[in-house]
Amino acid sequence: MGLKPTIYKFKIDLSDLNRNYYDALNLTIAQHPSETLERMMARVLAFCMNAQEHLIFSKGISAPKEPDIWSRTLDDQISLWIDVGEPAFDRIKKAVRQSSTIKIYSFNSKSNVWWKQEQKNFSELQVSIFQFKWETIQTLATLVQRTLDLSVTISDQTAYVASENRECEVPWVPLQVTS
Protein backbone atom coordinates (compact mmCIF):
# COMPACT_ATOMS: atom_id res chain seq x y z
CA MET A 1 0.00 0.00 0.00
CA GLY A 2 1.32 3.45 -0.94
CA LEU A 3 1.97 6.27 1.45
CA LYS A 4 -0.85 8.73 2.02
CA PRO A 5 -0.49 12.49 1.64
CA THR A 6 -0.11 14.70 4.69
CA ILE A 7 -3.00 17.14 5.06
CA TYR A 8 -2.45 20.76 6.15
CA LYS A 9 -5.11 23.36 6.90
CA PHE A 10 -4.19 27.01 6.40
CA LYS A 11 -6.20 30.12 7.16
CA ILE A 12 -4.65 32.99 5.24
CA ASP A 13 -5.49 36.66 5.50
CA LEU A 14 -4.37 37.84 2.07
CA SER A 15 -3.63 41.43 1.10
CA ASP A 16 -2.33 41.75 -2.45
CA LEU A 17 -1.50 45.42 -2.78
CA ASN A 18 -0.35 44.97 -6.39
CA ARG A 19 -3.82 43.88 -7.53
CA ASN A 20 -5.94 45.52 -4.80
CA TYR A 21 -7.15 42.02 -3.93
CA TYR A 22 -8.05 41.16 -0.34
CA ASP A 23 -9.40 37.82 0.82
CA ALA A 24 -9.61 35.34 3.69
CA LEU A 25 -8.53 31.97 2.31
CA ASN A 26 -9.25 28.62 3.93
CA LEU A 27 -6.95 26.15 2.19
CA THR A 28 -6.70 22.42 2.68
CA ILE A 29 -3.43 21.29 1.16
CA ALA A 30 -2.38 17.72 0.51
CA GLN A 31 1.38 17.27 0.62
CA HIS A 32 2.31 14.33 -1.61
CA PRO A 33 4.69 11.86 0.15
CA SER A 34 7.47 12.79 -2.31
CA GLU A 35 6.89 16.55 -1.99
CA THR A 36 9.13 18.69 0.23
CA LEU A 37 7.77 21.34 2.57
CA GLU A 38 9.59 23.92 0.46
CA ARG A 39 7.74 22.90 -2.70
CA MET A 40 4.42 22.82 -0.87
CA MET A 41 4.97 26.33 0.48
CA ALA A 42 6.04 27.58 -2.97
CA ARG A 43 2.65 26.24 -4.18
CA VAL A 44 0.85 28.10 -1.39
CA LEU A 45 2.67 31.32 -2.22
CA ALA A 46 1.92 30.96 -5.95
CA PHE A 47 -1.74 30.39 -5.02
CA CYS A 48 -1.78 33.60 -2.95
CA MET A 49 -0.12 35.60 -5.73
CA ASN A 50 -2.86 34.52 -8.16
CA ALA A 51 -5.83 34.20 -5.81
CA GLN A 52 -9.16 34.58 -7.58
CA GLU A 53 -12.52 32.93 -7.79
CA HIS A 54 -12.33 29.36 -9.17
CA LEU A 55 -8.57 28.99 -8.47
CA ILE A 56 -7.85 25.54 -7.03
CA PHE A 57 -5.02 23.16 -6.34
CA SER A 58 -5.04 20.24 -8.76
CA LYS A 59 -3.97 16.72 -7.91
CA GLY A 60 -0.43 18.01 -8.54
CA ILE A 61 2.35 15.44 -8.49
CA SER A 62 -0.25 12.65 -8.49
CA ALA A 63 -1.57 13.84 -11.89
CA PRO A 64 1.39 14.59 -14.19
CA LYS A 65 -0.81 16.00 -16.99
CA GLU A 66 -2.31 18.66 -14.71
CA PRO A 67 -0.70 21.84 -13.41
CA ASP A 68 -0.11 22.38 -9.69
CA ILE A 69 -2.77 25.10 -9.58
CA TRP A 70 -5.42 26.05 -12.10
CA SER A 71 -8.53 28.01 -12.77
CA ARG A 72 -11.26 26.77 -15.08
CA THR A 73 -14.05 28.70 -16.74
CA LEU A 74 -17.70 27.77 -16.37
CA ASP A 75 -17.50 25.82 -19.63
CA ASP A 76 -14.55 23.83 -18.18
CA GLN A 77 -11.78 25.51 -20.20
CA ILE A 78 -8.47 26.11 -18.40
CA SER A 79 -8.04 29.87 -17.99
CA LEU A 80 -4.91 29.80 -15.78
CA TRP A 81 -2.23 27.12 -15.58
CA ILE A 82 0.37 27.41 -12.81
CA ASP A 83 3.37 25.11 -12.43
CA VAL A 84 5.73 25.23 -9.46
CA GLY A 85 9.30 24.06 -9.96
CA GLU A 86 11.34 23.69 -13.09
CA PRO A 87 9.07 22.03 -15.67
CA ALA A 88 10.26 20.58 -18.95
CA PHE A 89 9.83 22.77 -22.01
CA ASP A 90 7.67 20.15 -23.78
CA ARG A 91 5.23 20.10 -20.85
CA ILE A 92 4.75 23.87 -20.99
CA LYS A 93 4.53 23.87 -24.79
CA LYS A 94 1.53 21.51 -24.45
CA ALA A 95 0.08 23.68 -21.67
CA VAL A 96 0.13 26.74 -23.95
CA ARG A 97 -2.33 24.93 -26.22
CA GLN A 98 -4.64 24.26 -23.27
CA SER A 99 -4.66 27.59 -21.43
CA SER A 100 -4.51 31.26 -22.32
CA THR A 101 -2.38 32.14 -19.29
CA ILE A 102 0.61 30.12 -18.11
CA LYS A 103 2.75 30.96 -15.09
CA ILE A 104 5.78 29.14 -13.71
CA TYR A 105 7.22 29.70 -10.23
CA SER A 106 10.75 28.33 -9.96
CA PHE A 107 12.12 28.00 -6.45
CA ASN A 108 14.89 25.53 -5.77
CA SER A 109 18.68 25.55 -5.61
CA LYS A 110 18.93 24.37 -9.25
CA SER A 111 16.67 27.12 -10.55
CA ASN A 112 19.45 29.21 -12.11
CA VAL A 113 20.89 26.23 -14.00
CA TRP A 114 17.40 25.28 -15.26
CA TRP A 115 16.76 28.84 -16.46
CA LYS A 116 20.11 29.11 -18.29
CA GLN A 117 19.34 25.86 -20.10
CA GLU A 118 15.72 26.66 -20.95
CA GLN A 119 15.61 30.46 -21.37
CA LYS A 120 15.92 30.40 -25.15
CA ASN A 121 13.18 27.77 -25.53
CA PHE A 122 10.75 29.52 -23.19
CA SER A 123 11.30 32.89 -24.89
CA GLU A 124 9.31 31.51 -27.83
CA LEU A 125 6.23 30.87 -25.64
CA GLN A 126 3.64 33.17 -24.07
CA VAL A 127 4.61 32.16 -20.53
CA SER A 128 5.36 34.22 -17.43
CA ILE A 129 8.18 32.85 -15.29
CA PHE A 130 9.12 33.96 -11.78
CA GLN A 131 11.91 32.82 -9.49
CA PHE A 132 11.74 32.68 -5.70
CA LYS A 133 15.05 32.73 -3.88
CA TRP A 134 15.75 29.25 -2.53
CA GLU A 135 16.93 30.50 0.88
CA THR A 136 13.71 32.45 1.46
CA ILE A 137 11.55 29.46 0.49
CA GLN A 138 13.51 27.40 3.01
CA THR A 139 12.77 30.02 5.66
CA LEU A 140 9.08 30.05 4.67
CA ALA A 141 8.96 26.26 5.12
CA THR A 142 10.06 26.64 8.75
CA LEU A 143 6.70 28.30 9.52
CA VAL A 144 4.72 25.17 8.62
CA GLN A 145 2.46 23.46 11.10
CA ARG A 146 -0.41 21.07 10.35
CA THR A 147 -2.89 23.85 11.17
CA LEU A 148 -1.62 27.34 10.48
CA ASP A 149 -2.93 30.90 10.52
CA LEU A 150 -0.96 33.16 8.19
CA SER A 151 -1.04 36.76 7.13
CA VAL A 152 0.30 37.27 3.60
CA THR A 153 0.86 40.77 2.26
CA ILE A 154 2.06 41.10 -1.32
CA SER A 155 3.68 44.35 -2.38
CA ASP A 156 5.84 44.98 -5.44
CA GLN A 157 7.92 41.80 -5.84
CA THR A 158 7.84 40.59 -2.25
CA ALA A 159 5.47 38.57 -0.10
CA TYR A 160 5.53 39.34 3.60
CA VAL A 161 4.38 36.26 5.49
CA ALA A 162 3.64 36.17 9.20
CA SER A 163 2.48 33.37 11.47
CA GLU A 164 1.77 33.48 15.20
CA ASN A 165 5.42 32.87 16.04
CA ARG A 166 7.54 34.00 13.10
CA GLU A 167 7.62 36.04 9.94
CA CYS A 168 9.64 36.16 6.75
CA GLU A 169 9.94 37.99 3.47
CA VAL A 170 9.89 36.09 0.18
CA PRO A 171 11.01 38.18 -2.79
CA TRP A 172 10.82 36.97 -6.38
CA VAL A 173 12.41 37.93 -9.65
CA PRO A 174 10.43 38.01 -12.90
CA LEU A 175 12.50 36.05 -15.42
CA GLN A 176 10.01 36.41 -18.28
CA VAL A 177 6.70 38.25 -18.23
CA THR A 178 4.05 38.16 -20.93
CA SER A 179 1.06 40.40 -21.22
C-alpha atoms as a PDB file:
ATOM      1  CA  MET A   1       0.000   0.000   0.000  1.00  0.00           C
ATOM      2  CA  GLY A   2       1.323   3.453  -0.939  1.00  0.00           C
ATOM      3  CA  LEU A   3       1.970   6.275   1.450  1.00  0.00           C
ATOM      4  CA  LYS A   4      -0.849   8.731   2.017  1.00  0.00           C
ATOM      5  CA  PRO A   5      -0.489  12.494   1.637  1.00  0.00           C
ATOM      6  CA  THR A   6      -0.107  14.701   4.691  1.00  0.00           C
ATOM      7  CA  ILE A   7      -2.995  17.140   5.063  1.00  0.00           C
ATOM      8  CA  TYR A   8      -2.455  20.755   6.146  1.00  0.00           C
ATOM      9  CA  LYS A   9      -5.114  23.361   6.904  1.00  0.00           C
ATOM     10  CA  PHE A  10      -4.188  27.007   6.397  1.00  0.00           C
ATOM     11  CA  LYS A  11      -6.200  30.116   7.164  1.00  0.00           C
ATOM     12  CA  ILE A  12      -4.655  32.985   5.241  1.00  0.00           C
ATOM     13  CA  ASP A  13      -5.487  36.664   5.499  1.00  0.00           C
ATOM     14  CA  LEU A  14      -4.367  37.838   2.073  1.00  0.00           C
ATOM     15  CA  SER A  15      -3.632  41.430   1.098  1.00  0.00           C
ATOM     16  CA  ASP A  16      -2.328  41.750  -2.450  1.00  0.00           C
ATOM     17  CA  LEU A  17      -1.497  45.419  -2.776  1.00  0.00           C
ATOM     18  CA  ASN A  18      -0.347  44.967  -6.385  1.00  0.00           C
ATOM     19  CA  ARG A  19      -3.816  43.880  -7.531  1.00  0.00           C
ATOM     20  CA  ASN A  20      -5.937  45.523  -4.805  1.00  0.00           C
ATOM     21  CA  TYR A  21      -7.145  42.020  -3.934  1.00  0.00           C
ATOM     22  CA  TYR A  22      -8.053  41.160  -0.342  1.00  0.00           C
ATOM     23  CA  ASP A  23      -9.403  37.820   0.824  1.00  0.00           C
ATOM     24  CA  ALA A  24      -9.606  35.344   3.688  1.00  0.00           C
ATOM     25  CA  LEU A  25      -8.533  31.968   2.313  1.00  0.00           C
ATOM     26  CA  ASN A  26      -9.249  28.618   3.930  1.00  0.00           C
ATOM     27  CA  LEU A  27      -6.952  26.151   2.188  1.00  0.00           C
ATOM     28  CA  THR A  28      -6.700  22.419   2.675  1.00  0.00           C
ATOM     29  CA  ILE A  29      -3.434  21.289   1.162  1.00  0.00           C
ATOM     30  CA  ALA A  30      -2.381  17.719   0.508  1.00  0.00           C
ATOM     31  CA  GLN A  31       1.383  17.268   0.618  1.00  0.00           C
ATOM     32  CA  HIS A  32       2.313  14.332  -1.610  1.00  0.00           C
ATOM     33  CA  PRO A  33       4.686  11.863   0.145  1.00  0.00           C
ATOM     34  CA  SER A  34       7.467  12.791  -2.305  1.00  0.00           C
ATOM     35  CA  GLU A  35       6.891  16.552  -1.989  1.00  0.00           C
ATOM     36  CA  THR A  36       9.129  18.687   0.225  1.00  0.00           C
ATOM     37  CA  LEU A  37       7.769  21.342   2.574  1.00  0.00           C
ATOM     38  CA  GLU A  38       9.593  23.924   0.463  1.00  0.00           C
ATOM     39  CA  ARG A  39       7.740  22.896  -2.696  1.00  0.00           C
ATOM     40  CA  MET A  40       4.422  22.822  -0.869  1.00  0.00           C
ATOM     41  CA  MET A  41       4.970  26.334   0.482  1.00  0.00           C
ATOM     42  CA  ALA A  42       6.036  27.580  -2.971  1.00  0.00           C
ATOM     43  CA  ARG A  43       2.650  26.239  -4.182  1.00  0.00           C
ATOM     44  CA  VAL A  44       0.852  28.095  -1.388  1.00  0.00           C
ATOM     45  CA  LEU A  45       2.672  31.320  -2.216  1.00  0.00           C
ATOM     46  CA  ALA A  46       1.920  30.960  -5.951  1.00  0.00           C
ATOM     47  CA  PHE A  47      -1.735  30.390  -5.024  1.00  0.00           C
ATOM     48  CA  CYS A  48      -1.776  33.603  -2.953  1.00  0.00           C
ATOM     49  CA  MET A  49      -0.117  35.600  -5.731  1.00  0.00           C
ATOM     50  CA  ASN A  50      -2.861  34.523  -8.158  1.00  0.00           C
ATOM     51  CA  ALA A  51      -5.829  34.196  -5.813  1.00  0.00           C
ATOM     52  CA  GLN A  52      -9.157  34.583  -7.583  1.00  0.00           C
ATOM     53  CA  GLU A  53     -12.521  32.928  -7.787  1.00  0.00           C
ATOM     54  CA  HIS A  54     -12.325  29.364  -9.169  1.00  0.00           C
ATOM     55  CA  LEU A  55      -8.574  28.991  -8.465  1.00  0.00           C
ATOM     56  CA  ILE A  56      -7.854  25.537  -7.029  1.00  0.00           C
ATOM     57  CA  PHE A  57      -5.020  23.157  -6.338  1.00  0.00           C
ATOM     58  CA  SER A  58      -5.036  20.245  -8.761  1.00  0.00           C
ATOM     59  CA  LYS A  59      -3.969  16.717  -7.912  1.00  0.00           C
ATOM     60  CA  GLY A  60      -0.432  18.012  -8.542  1.00  0.00           C
ATOM     61  CA  ILE A  61       2.351  15.439  -8.488  1.00  0.00           C
ATOM     62  CA  SER A  62      -0.250  12.655  -8.494  1.00  0.00           C
ATOM     63  CA  ALA A  63      -1.572  13.838 -11.890  1.00  0.00           C
ATOM     64  CA  PRO A  64       1.389  14.590 -14.186  1.00  0.00           C
ATOM     65  CA  LYS A  65      -0.805  15.999 -16.986  1.00  0.00           C
ATOM     66  CA  GLU A  66      -2.305  18.662 -14.706  1.00  0.00           C
ATOM     67  CA  PRO A  67      -0.695  21.842 -13.407  1.00  0.00           C
ATOM     68  CA  ASP A  68      -0.112  22.384  -9.687  1.00  0.00           C
ATOM     69  CA  ILE A  69      -2.771  25.095  -9.585  1.00  0.00           C
ATOM     70  CA  TRP A  70      -5.417  26.048 -12.101  1.00  0.00           C
ATOM     71  CA  SER A  71      -8.530  28.013 -12.765  1.00  0.00           C
ATOM     72  CA  ARG A  72     -11.258  26.774 -15.077  1.00  0.00           C
ATOM     73  CA  THR A  73     -14.048  28.697 -16.740  1.00  0.00           C
ATOM     74  CA  LEU A  74     -17.704  27.773 -16.366  1.00  0.00           C
ATOM     75  CA  ASP A  75     -17.504  25.824 -19.626  1.00  0.00           C
ATOM     76  CA  ASP A  76     -14.545  23.833 -18.179  1.00  0.00           C
ATOM     77  CA  GLN A  77     -11.781  25.513 -20.199  1.00  0.00           C
ATOM     78  CA  ILE A  78      -8.470  26.113 -18.396  1.00  0.00           C
ATOM     79  CA  SER A  79      -8.041  29.874 -17.994  1.00  0.00           C
ATOM     80  CA  LEU A  80      -4.914  29.804 -15.781  1.00  0.00           C
ATOM     81  CA  TRP A  81      -2.225  27.121 -15.579  1.00  0.00           C
ATOM     82  CA  ILE A  82       0.375  27.413 -12.805  1.00  0.00           C
ATOM     83  CA  ASP A  83       3.368  25.107 -12.426  1.00  0.00           C
ATOM     84  CA  VAL A  84       5.730  25.226  -9.463  1.00  0.00           C
ATOM     85  CA  GLY A  85       9.295  24.060  -9.962  1.00  0.00           C
ATOM     86  CA  GLU A  86      11.340  23.689 -13.093  1.00  0.00           C
ATOM     87  CA  PRO A  87       9.068  22.031 -15.670  1.00  0.00           C
ATOM     88  CA  ALA A  88      10.263  20.579 -18.950  1.00  0.00           C
ATOM     89  CA  PHE A  89       9.831  22.775 -22.005  1.00  0.00           C
ATOM     90  CA  ASP A  90       7.671  20.154 -23.780  1.00  0.00           C
ATOM     91  CA  ARG A  91       5.230  20.096 -20.851  1.00  0.00           C
ATOM     92  CA  ILE A  92       4.754  23.868 -20.994  1.00  0.00           C
ATOM     93  CA  LYS A  93       4.527  23.868 -24.786  1.00  0.00           C
ATOM     94  CA  LYS A  94       1.530  21.509 -24.446  1.00  0.00           C
ATOM     95  CA  ALA A  95       0.078  23.677 -21.672  1.00  0.00           C
ATOM     96  CA  VAL A  96       0.131  26.738 -23.948  1.00  0.00           C
ATOM     97  CA  ARG A  97      -2.325  24.926 -26.220  1.00  0.00           C
ATOM     98  CA  GLN A  98      -4.640  24.257 -23.270  1.00  0.00           C
ATOM     99  CA  SER A  99      -4.655  27.589 -21.430  1.00  0.00           C
ATOM    100  CA  SER A 100      -4.514  31.265 -22.323  1.00  0.00           C
ATOM    101  CA  THR A 101      -2.379  32.138 -19.287  1.00  0.00           C
ATOM    102  CA  ILE A 102       0.611  30.120 -18.107  1.00  0.00           C
ATOM    103  CA  LYS A 103       2.755  30.959 -15.087  1.00  0.00           C
ATOM    104  CA  ILE A 104       5.778  29.144 -13.707  1.00  0.00           C
ATOM    105  CA  TYR A 105       7.221  29.703 -10.230  1.00  0.00           C
ATOM    106  CA  SER A 106      10.754  28.326  -9.962  1.00  0.00           C
ATOM    107  CA  PHE A 107      12.123  28.002  -6.446  1.00  0.00           C
ATOM    108  CA  ASN A 108      14.889  25.526  -5.771  1.00  0.00           C
ATOM    109  CA  SER A 109      18.679  25.545  -5.609  1.00  0.00           C
ATOM    110  CA  LYS A 110      18.927  24.368  -9.247  1.00  0.00           C
ATOM    111  CA  SER A 111      16.675  27.118 -10.552  1.00  0.00           C
ATOM    112  CA  ASN A 112      19.455  29.214 -12.107  1.00  0.00           C
ATOM    113  CA  VAL A 113      20.887  26.231 -14.003  1.00  0.00           C
ATOM    114  CA  TRP A 114      17.404  25.284 -15.264  1.00  0.00           C
ATOM    115  CA  TRP A 115      16.761  28.835 -16.458  1.00  0.00           C
ATOM    116  CA  LYS A 116      20.110  29.107 -18.288  1.00  0.00           C
ATOM    117  CA  GLN A 117      19.342  25.859 -20.104  1.00  0.00           C
ATOM    118  CA  GLU A 118      15.720  26.664 -20.953  1.00  0.00           C
ATOM    119  CA  GLN A 119      15.615  30.456 -21.371  1.00  0.00           C
ATOM    120  CA  LYS A 120      15.920  30.399 -25.155  1.00  0.00           C
ATOM    121  CA  ASN A 121      13.182  27.773 -25.533  1.00  0.00           C
ATOM    122  CA  PHE A 122      10.748  29.516 -23.193  1.00  0.00           C
ATOM    123  CA  SER A 123      11.297  32.893 -24.885  1.00  0.00           C
ATOM    124  CA  GLU A 124       9.306  31.514 -27.833  1.00  0.00           C
ATOM    125  CA  LEU A 125       6.232  30.868 -25.640  1.00  0.00           C
ATOM    126  CA  GLN A 126       3.640  33.170 -24.071  1.00  0.00           C
ATOM    127  CA  VAL A 127       4.607  32.159 -20.531  1.00  0.00           C
ATOM    128  CA  SER A 128       5.359  34.223 -17.427  1.00  0.00           C
ATOM    129  CA  ILE A 129       8.181  32.850 -15.286  1.00  0.00           C
ATOM    130  CA  PHE A 130       9.120  33.957 -11.780  1.00  0.00           C
ATOM    131  CA  GLN A 131      11.913  32.817  -9.488  1.00  0.00           C
ATOM    132  CA  PHE A 132      11.736  32.680  -5.695  1.00  0.00           C
ATOM    133  CA  LYS A 133      15.054  32.728  -3.877  1.00  0.00           C
ATOM    134  CA  TRP A 134      15.747  29.250  -2.528  1.00  0.00           C
ATOM    135  CA  GLU A 135      16.926  30.503   0.876  1.00  0.00           C
ATOM    136  CA  THR A 136      13.714  32.450   1.462  1.00  0.00           C
ATOM    137  CA  ILE A 137      11.554  29.463   0.488  1.00  0.00           C
ATOM    138  CA  GLN A 138      13.514  27.401   3.013  1.00  0.00           C
ATOM    139  CA  THR A 139      12.768  30.025   5.658  1.00  0.00           C
ATOM    140  CA  LEU A 140       9.085  30.049   4.665  1.00  0.00           C
ATOM    141  CA  ALA A 141       8.962  26.263   5.115  1.00  0.00           C
ATOM    142  CA  THR A 142      10.063  26.644   8.746  1.00  0.00           C
ATOM    143  CA  LEU A 143       6.704  28.300   9.518  1.00  0.00           C
ATOM    144  CA  VAL A 144       4.724  25.170   8.617  1.00  0.00           C
ATOM    145  CA  GLN A 145       2.458  23.458  11.104  1.00  0.00           C
ATOM    146  CA  ARG A 146      -0.412  21.073  10.352  1.00  0.00           C
ATOM    147  CA  THR A 147      -2.892  23.851  11.175  1.00  0.00           C
ATOM    148  CA  LEU A 148      -1.620  27.336  10.484  1.00  0.00           C
ATOM    149  CA  ASP A 149      -2.927  30.900  10.516  1.00  0.00           C
ATOM    150  CA  LEU A 150      -0.961  33.165   8.186  1.00  0.00           C
ATOM    151  CA  SER A 151      -1.041  36.758   7.127  1.00  0.00           C
ATOM    152  CA  VAL A 152       0.296  37.273   3.602  1.00  0.00           C
ATOM    153  CA  THR A 153       0.864  40.772   2.261  1.00  0.00           C
ATOM    154  CA  ILE A 154       2.063  41.103  -1.322  1.00  0.00           C
ATOM    155  CA  SER A 155       3.680  44.353  -2.379  1.00  0.00           C
ATOM    156  CA  ASP A 156       5.844  44.982  -5.443  1.00  0.00           C
ATOM    157  CA  GLN A 157       7.922  41.801  -5.839  1.00  0.00           C
ATOM    158  CA  THR A 158       7.839  40.586  -2.248  1.00  0.00           C
ATOM    159  CA  ALA A 159       5.467  38.572  -0.103  1.00  0.00           C
ATOM    160  CA  TYR A 160       5.527  39.343   3.602  1.00  0.00           C
ATOM    161  CA  VAL A 161       4.383  36.261   5.494  1.00  0.00           C
ATOM    162  CA  ALA A 162       3.644  36.170   9.204  1.00  0.00           C
ATOM    163  CA  SER A 163       2.476  33.372  11.474  1.00  0.00           C
ATOM    164  CA  GLU A 164       1.765  33.484  15.198  1.00  0.00           C
ATOM    165  CA  ASN A 165       5.422  32.871  16.036  1.00  0.00           C
ATOM    166  CA  ARG A 166       7.544  34.003  13.103  1.00  0.00           C
ATOM    167  CA  GLU A 167       7.623  36.041   9.937  1.00  0.00           C
ATOM    168  CA  CYS A 168       9.636  36.162   6.751  1.00  0.00           C
ATOM    169  CA  GLU A 169       9.943  37.992   3.467  1.00  0.00           C
ATOM    170  CA  VAL A 170       9.889  36.090   0.179  1.00  0.00           C
ATOM    171  CA  PRO A 171      11.010  38.181  -2.789  1.00  0.00           C
ATOM    172  CA  TRP A 172      10.822  36.969  -6.379  1.00  0.00           C
ATOM    173  CA  VAL A 173      12.409  37.932  -9.650  1.00  0.00           C
ATOM    174  CA  PRO A 174      10.429  38.014 -12.900  1.00  0.00           C
ATOM    175  CA  LEU A 175      12.497  36.046 -15.424  1.00  0.00           C
ATOM    176  CA  GLN A 176      10.009  36.408 -18.281  1.00  0.00           C
ATOM    177  CA  VAL A 177       6.704  38.246 -18.229  1.00  0.00           C
ATOM    178  CA  THR A 178       4.052  38.161 -20.929  1.00  0.00           C
ATOM    179  CA  SER A 179       1.058  40.403 -21.217  1.00  0.00           C
END
